Amino acid sequence: MKTKTFFIVLFALVCSVSLVANINAHDINGDGYANWYDLALVAKHFEETGPLGWVPEDVNEDGRVNILDVVAIAIQIIIIPTAIDCVARYGHAGFLCLLMGEE
């Protein structure tokens, strides 16, 4: 039960932050959206290194294109839009029911 509660709180935090965050912050290719094309560009440079922020694919600007960059983009293209959609459809409490598997 503690694990489920943790994920509910985490999901609520993502929803709250996503409503005020720039959901296209990791738009690497400049098409106006953070999407699968941006993720493909990260894959192209995966495991490459350079100075801090050396390529746009180094999303967290740590000098390495790695799984942290993949996760940052994946959160924007999967979790944040889902959270916004749930809140828009069901209100702030509605997404908790979806997360818990209830309708």
C-alpha atoms as a PDB file:
ATOM      1  CA  MET A   1       0.000   0.000   0.000  1.00  0.00           C
ATOM      2  CA  LYS A   2       2.878   2.401   0.715  1.00  0.00           C
ATOM      3  CA  THR A   3       4.220   1.911  -2.821  1.00  0.00           C
ATOM      4  CA  LYS A   4       0.823   2.676  -4.341  1.00  0.00           C
ATOM      5  CA  THR A   5       0.501   5.783  -2.189  1.00  0.00           C
ATOM      6  CA  PHE A   6       3.983   6.911  -3.220  1.00  0.00           C
ATOM      7  CA  PHE A   7       3.122   6.645  -6.904  1.00  0.00           C
ATOM      8  CA  ILE A   8      -0.168   8.472  -6.392  1.00  0.00           C
ATOM      9  CA  VAL A   9       1.658  11.340  -4.710  1.00  0.00           C
ATOM     10  CA  LEU A  10       4.358  11.307  -7.422  1.00  0.00           C
ATOM     11  CA  PHE A  11       1.710  11.386 -10.160  1.00  0.00           C
ATOM     12  CA  ALA A  12      -0.078  14.267  -8.417  1.00  0.00           C
ATOM     13  CA  LEU A  13       3.203  16.178  -8.253  1.00  0.00           C
ATOM     14  CA  VAL A  14       3.830  15.608 -11.964  1.00  0.00           C
ATOM     15  CA  CYS A  15       0.318  16.884 -12.720  1.00  0.00           C
ATOM     16  CA  SER A  16       0.819  19.991 -10.630  1.00  0.00           C
ATOM     17  CA  VAL A  17       4.194  20.811 -12.139  1.00  0.00           C
ATOM     18  CA  SER A  18       3.089  20.037 -15.682  1.00  0.00           C
ATOM     19  CA  LEU A  19       0.296  22.575 -15.554  1.00  0.00           C
ATOM     20  CA  VAL A  20       2.798  25.393 -15.134  1.00  0.00           C
ATOM     21  CA  ALA A  21       5.826  23.902 -16.917  1.00  0.00           C
ATOM     22  CA  ASN A  22       6.764  24.412 -20.535  1.00  0.00           C
ATOM     23  CA  ILE A  23       5.725  21.021 -21.898  1.00  0.00           C
ATOM     24  CA  ASN A  24       7.852  21.511 -25.023  1.00  0.00           C
ATOM     25  CA  ALA A  25      11.068  22.358 -23.192  1.00  0.00           C
ATOM     26  CA  HIS A  26      12.899  19.428 -24.790  1.00  0.00           C
ATOM     27  CA  ASP A  27      11.940  20.153 -28.394  1.00  0.00           C
ATOM     28  CA  ILE A  28      15.329  19.274 -29.854  1.00  0.00           C
ATOM     29  CA  ASN A  29      14.505  19.416 -33.558  1.00  0.00           C
ATOM     30  CA  GLY A  30      12.585  22.711 -33.318  1.00  0.00           C
ATOM     31  CA  ASP A  31       9.236  21.491 -34.680  1.00  0.00           C
ATOM     32  CA  GLY A  32       7.339  23.031 -31.748  1.00  0.00           C
ATOM     33  CA  TYR A  33       6.706  19.770 -29.880  1.00  0.00           C
ATOM     34  CA  ALA A  34       8.635  17.442 -27.603  1.00  0.00           C
ATOM     35  CA  ASN A  35       7.936  14.112 -29.329  1.00  0.00           C
ATOM     36  CA  TRP A  36       9.320  10.803 -30.593  1.00  0.00           C
ATOM     37  CA  TYR A  37      11.470  12.579 -33.193  1.00  0.00           C
ATOM     38  CA  ASP A  38      13.350  14.309 -30.386  1.00  0.00           C
ATOM     39  CA  LEU A  39      13.802  10.975 -28.645  1.00  0.00           C
ATOM     40  CA  ALA A  40      15.263   9.546 -31.867  1.00  0.00           C
ATOM     41  CA  LEU A  41      17.815  12.374 -31.959  1.00  0.00           C
ATOM     42  CA  VAL A  42      18.884  11.518 -28.423  1.00  0.00           C
ATOM     43  CA  ALA A  43      19.268   7.875 -29.485  1.00  0.00           C
ATOM     44  CA  LYS A  44      21.519   8.997 -32.343  1.00  0.00           C
ATOM     45  CA  HIS A  45      23.948  10.603 -29.856  1.00  0.00           C
ATOM     46  CA  PHE A  46      23.448   8.058 -27.046  1.00  0.00           C
ATOM     47  CA  GLU A  47      26.585   7.448 -24.929  1.00  0.00           C
ATOM     48  CA  GLU A  48      28.483  10.326 -26.559  1.00  0.00           C
ATOM     49  CA  THR A  49      30.242  12.844 -24.342  1.00  0.00           C
ATOM     50  CA  GLY A  50      31.435  16.419 -24.631  1.00  0.00           C
ATOM     51  CA  PRO A  51      31.558  19.715 -22.731  1.00  0.00           C
ATOM     52  CA  LEU A  52      28.472  20.699 -20.733  1.00  0.00           C
ATOM     53  CA  GLY A  53      25.517  21.344 -23.058  1.00  0.00           C
ATOM     54  CA  TRP A  54      27.587  20.490 -26.135  1.00  0.00           C
ATOM     55  CA  VAL A  55      24.571  19.306 -28.167  1.00  0.00           C
ATOM     56  CA  PRO A  56      20.823  19.885 -27.698  1.00  0.00           C
ATOM     57  CA  GLU A  57      20.424  16.136 -27.213  1.00  0.00           C
ATOM     58  CA  ASP A  58      22.279  16.520 -23.898  1.00  0.00           C
ATOM     59  CA  VAL A  59      19.006  17.622 -22.316  1.00  0.00           C
ATOM     60  CA  ASN A  60      20.249  17.886 -18.731  1.00  0.00           C
ATOM     61  CA  GLU A  61      23.529  19.476 -19.878  1.00  0.00           C
ATOM     62  CA  ASP A  62      25.803  17.135 -17.915  1.00  0.00           C
ATOM     63  CA  GLY A  63      28.185  16.526 -20.820  1.00  0.00           C
ATOM     64  CA  ARG A  64      26.811  13.043 -21.561  1.00  0.00           C
ATOM     65  CA  VAL A  65      23.899  11.884 -23.689  1.00  0.00           C
ATOM     66  CA  ASN A  66      22.556   9.018 -21.608  1.00  0.00           C
ATOM     67  CA  ILE A  67      19.458   7.443 -20.073  1.00  0.00           C
ATOM     68  CA  LEU A  68      18.775  10.581 -18.003  1.00  0.00           C
ATOM     69  CA  ASP A  69      18.240  12.538 -21.215  1.00  0.00           C
ATOM     70  CA  VAL A  70      15.976   9.792 -22.584  1.00  0.00           C
ATOM     71  CA  VAL A  71      13.897   9.805 -19.393  1.00  0.00           C
ATOM     72  CA  ALA A  72      13.562  13.609 -19.410  1.00  0.00           C
ATOM     73  CA  ILE A  73      12.096  13.548 -22.921  1.00  0.00           C
ATOM     74  CA  ALA A  74       9.968  10.462 -22.252  1.00  0.00           C
ATOM     75  CA  ILE A  75       8.372  12.211 -19.274  1.00  0.00           C
ATOM     76  CA  GLN A  76       7.421  15.105 -21.533  1.00  0.00           C
ATOM     77  CA  ILE A  77       5.971  12.986 -24.328  1.00  0.00           C
ATOM     78  CA  ILE A  78       4.224  10.314 -22.246  1.00  0.00           C
ATOM     79  CA  ILE A  79       3.578  11.236 -18.618  1.00  0.00           C
ATOM     80  CA  ILE A  80       2.910  14.977 -18.757  1.00  0.00           C
ATOM     81  CA  PRO A  81       0.337  14.870 -21.601  1.00  0.00           C
ATOM     82  CA  THR A  82      -1.421  11.951 -19.884  1.00  0.00           C
ATOM     83  CA  ALA A  83      -1.519  13.824 -16.587  1.00  0.00           C
ATOM     84  CA  ILE A  84      -2.879  16.978 -18.232  1.00  0.00           C
ATOM     85  CA  ASP A  85      -5.515  14.944 -20.079  1.00  0.00           C
ATOM     86  CA  CYS A  86      -6.630  13.189 -16.884  1.00  0.00           C
ATOM     87  CA  VAL A  87      -6.918  16.453 -14.982  1.00  0.00           C
ATOM     88  CA  ALA A  88      -8.804  18.083 -17.873  1.00  0.00           C
ATOM     89  CA  ARG A  89     -11.261  15.195 -18.119  1.00  0.00           C
ATOM     90  CA  TYR A  90     -11.815  14.245 -14.507  1.00  0.00           C
ATOM     91  CA  GLY A  91     -10.618  17.143 -12.385  1.00  0.00           C
ATOM     92  CA  HIS A  92      -7.816  17.025  -9.858  1.00  0.00           C
ATOM     93  CA  ALA A  93      -9.211  13.970  -8.046  1.00  0.00           C
ATOM     94  CA  GLY A  94     -10.215  12.053 -11.178  1.00  0.00           C
ATOM     95  CA  PHE A  95      -6.724  11.045 -12.229  1.00  0.00           C
ATOM     96  CA  LEU A  96      -6.241   9.253  -8.903  1.00  0.00           C
ATOM     97  CA  CYS A  97      -9.066   6.871  -9.802  1.00  0.00           C
ATOM     98  CA  LEU A  98      -7.431   6.173 -13.164  1.00  0.00           C
ATOM     99  CA  LEU A  99      -4.089   5.564 -11.519  1.00  0.00           C
ATOM    100  CA  MET A 100      -5.666   3.146  -9.057  1.00  0.00           C
ATOM    101  CA  GLY A 101      -7.406   1.276 -11.877  1.00  0.00           C
ATOM    102  CA  GLU A 102     -10.922   2.473 -11.114  1.00  0.00           C
ATOM    103  CA  GLU A 103     -13.277   4.244 -13.466  1.00  0.00           C
END
